[in-house]
Protein backbone atom coordinates (compact mmCIF):
# COMPACT_ATOMS: atom_id res chain seq x y z
CA MET A 1 22.57 9.03 -11.83
CA ALA A 2 18.93 8.85 -13.29
CA PRO A 3 15.91 8.87 -10.59
CA ARG A 4 14.68 5.42 -9.89
CA ALA A 5 11.08 4.54 -9.38
CA LEU A 6 8.88 1.88 -7.93
CA PHE A 7 5.57 1.13 -9.76
CA GLU A 8 2.68 -0.91 -9.01
CA TRP A 9 3.22 -2.20 -4.84
CA GLY A 10 0.61 -2.32 -2.43
CA SER A 11 -1.31 -3.95 -0.33
CA SER A 12 -4.92 -5.97 0.27
CA THR A 13 -7.29 -4.79 3.13
CA TYR A 14 -7.18 -7.72 5.10
CA GLY A 15 -5.82 -9.23 8.18
CA GLY A 16 -2.72 -11.27 7.18
CA ALA A 17 -3.00 -10.05 3.33
CA SER A 18 1.04 -8.93 4.06
CA ASN A 19 2.03 -11.95 4.26
CA TYR A 20 1.21 -12.54 0.28
CA GLY A 21 3.46 -9.65 -0.42
CA GLY A 22 2.36 -8.66 -3.96
CA ALA A 23 0.07 -11.64 -4.29
CA GLY A 24 -2.04 -10.68 -1.65
CA GLY A 25 -4.99 -9.57 -4.50
CA LEU A 26 -4.84 -12.78 -5.74
CA ASN A 27 -6.26 -13.88 -1.48
CA VAL A 28 -8.74 -11.72 -1.06
CA GLY A 29 -11.28 -14.22 0.37
CA GLN A 30 -8.34 -14.98 2.89
CA GLY A 31 -8.83 -12.82 6.55
CA SER A 32 -10.98 -10.11 7.70
CA TYR A 33 -11.27 -6.61 6.44
CA ASN A 34 -8.36 -4.66 8.56
CA GLU A 35 -7.66 -1.07 7.42
CA ASP A 36 -4.29 -1.15 9.99
CA GLU A 37 -2.71 -4.49 7.89
CA GLN A 38 -3.26 -2.38 4.89
CA ALA A 39 -1.38 1.14 6.00
CA ASN A 40 0.75 -0.49 7.95
CA TYR A 41 2.23 -2.25 4.80
CA ILE A 42 2.20 0.80 3.21
CA GLU A 43 4.53 2.70 6.04
CA GLY A 44 6.96 -0.21 6.00
CA TYR A 45 7.25 -0.25 2.30
CA CYS A 46 8.08 3.40 2.22
CA GLU A 47 10.47 3.40 5.14
CA LEU A 48 12.07 0.53 2.95
CA LEU A 49 11.38 2.66 -0.25
CA ASN A 50 13.45 5.47 1.35
CA LYS A 51 15.91 3.56 2.61
CA VAL A 52 17.29 2.01 -0.49
CA ARG A 53 16.34 5.85 -1.87
CA ILE A 54 13.88 5.69 -4.26
CA ASP A 55 12.89 8.82 -6.05
CA GLY A 56 9.43 8.14 -6.25
CA CYS A 57 6.89 5.51 -5.83
CA PHE A 58 3.07 4.85 -6.94
CA LEU A 59 0.45 2.26 -5.24
CA HIS A 60 -0.98 -0.46 -8.06
CA THR A 61 -4.29 0.76 -7.51
CA PHE A 62 -6.19 3.52 -5.85
CA THR A 63 -9.98 2.48 -5.87
CA GLU A 64 -11.74 -0.85 -5.94
CA THR A 65 -14.83 -2.17 -6.16
CA GLU A 66 -14.01 -4.71 -2.91
CA PRO A 67 -13.63 -3.03 0.51
CA LYS A 68 -10.87 -5.87 0.95
CA ALA A 69 -8.84 -5.36 -2.35
CA MET A 70 -5.46 -3.49 -2.76
CA GLY A 71 -7.25 -0.06 -3.17
CA ILE A 72 -6.65 2.60 -0.83
CA LEU A 73 -10.06 4.26 -1.73
CA ASN A 74 -13.27 2.36 -1.47
CA PHE A 75 -16.83 3.35 -2.15
CA LYS A 76 -15.95 6.82 -1.73
CA LYS A 77 -14.48 6.63 1.28
CA ARG A 78 -11.04 6.63 2.29
CA LYS A 79 -9.14 4.12 3.62
CA LYS A 80 -6.31 4.17 6.60
CA GLY A 81 -3.97 3.06 3.74
CA PHE A 82 -4.39 6.53 2.09
CA TYR A 83 -3.63 8.92 4.88
CA MET A 84 -0.58 6.55 5.13
CA TYR A 85 0.20 6.75 1.97
CA LYS A 86 -0.53 10.95 1.27
CA SER A 87 1.38 11.33 4.31
CA TYR A 88 4.40 9.94 4.00
CA GLU A 89 7.24 12.48 3.53
CA ARG A 90 10.63 11.64 2.22
CA VAL A 91 12.91 12.39 4.96
CA GLY A 92 17.33 13.24 4.50
CA SER A 93 18.48 14.07 1.16
């Protein structure tokens, strides 16, 4: 079987962003800044991708100028989502 990868997924960095799914970036002004929201979404998504046996995944964007946006790097600072994405390891074979 050919390798499978998923591109352009992620979550914004504000409370309630995961409720909007892929449209979270369209509602950036909605909730208060919350790095845990983004990190938890990334963790859950990585676990799901592992269950369905996706071979690779790439976040939508890494750097943003808006603090609540989807980037995991902001103003040269690493968000919690950066560490979650970077530390995720595929388990099993």
